[in-house]
N, C-alpha and C. Protein backbone atom coordinates (compact mmCIF):
# COMPACT_ATOMS: atom_id res chain seq x y z
N GLY A 1 -6.12 -68.65 60.43
CA GLY A 1 -6.57 -69.75 59.58
C GLY A 1 -5.41 -70.59 59.07
N GLY A 2 -5.63 -71.29 58.00
CA GLY A 2 -4.57 -72.10 57.42
C GLY A 2 -4.22 -73.30 58.28
N ALA A 3 -2.94 -73.58 58.40
CA ALA A 3 -2.51 -74.76 59.14
C ALA A 3 -2.71 -74.58 60.64
N GLY A 4 -2.51 -73.35 61.12
CA GLY A 4 -2.61 -73.11 62.56
C GLY A 4 -3.98 -72.59 62.96
N GLY A 5 -4.88 -72.53 62.01
CA GLY A 5 -6.22 -72.00 62.29
C GLY A 5 -6.97 -72.84 63.31
N LYS A 6 -6.86 -74.14 63.15
CA LYS A 6 -7.57 -75.05 64.04
C LYS A 6 -7.03 -74.94 65.46
N ALA A 7 -5.80 -74.53 65.58
CA ALA A 7 -5.19 -74.41 66.89
C ALA A 7 -5.55 -73.09 67.55
N GLY A 8 -6.20 -72.21 66.77
CA GLY A 8 -6.59 -70.93 67.32
C GLY A 8 -5.43 -69.95 67.32
N ASP A 9 -4.65 -69.91 66.25
CA ASP A 9 -3.50 -69.00 66.16
C ASP A 9 -3.98 -67.55 66.05
N GLN A 10 -3.29 -66.67 66.72
CA GLN A 10 -3.67 -65.25 66.66
C GLN A 10 -2.53 -64.45 66.04
N SER A 11 -2.25 -64.77 64.77
CA SER A 11 -1.18 -64.06 64.07
C SER A 11 -1.67 -62.70 63.60
N LEU A 12 -0.79 -61.95 62.99
CA LEU A 12 -1.15 -60.60 62.55
C LEU A 12 -2.24 -60.64 61.50
N PHE A 13 -2.21 -61.70 60.66
CA PHE A 13 -3.15 -61.75 59.55
C PHE A 13 -4.38 -62.58 59.89
N GLU A 14 -4.25 -63.51 60.82
CA GLU A 14 -5.34 -64.41 61.12
C GLU A 14 -5.90 -64.20 62.53
N ALA A 15 -5.69 -63.04 63.06
CA ALA A 15 -6.15 -62.77 64.42
C ALA A 15 -7.67 -62.79 64.48
N ASN A 16 -8.31 -62.36 63.39
CA ASN A 16 -9.76 -62.27 63.38
C ASN A 16 -10.43 -63.49 62.78
N ARG A 17 -9.67 -64.26 62.00
CA ARG A 17 -10.28 -65.42 61.35
C ARG A 17 -9.51 -66.68 61.69
N ASN A 18 -10.07 -67.50 62.55
CA ASN A 18 -9.40 -68.73 62.98
C ASN A 18 -10.01 -69.93 62.26
N TYR A 19 -9.67 -70.07 61.00
CA TYR A 19 -10.18 -71.19 60.22
C TYR A 19 -9.18 -72.33 60.25
């Protein structure tokens, strides 16, 4: 999520939530 959410980032914290 966050700034890279729209880009579909799969970080450690946002792997499950791509907002």
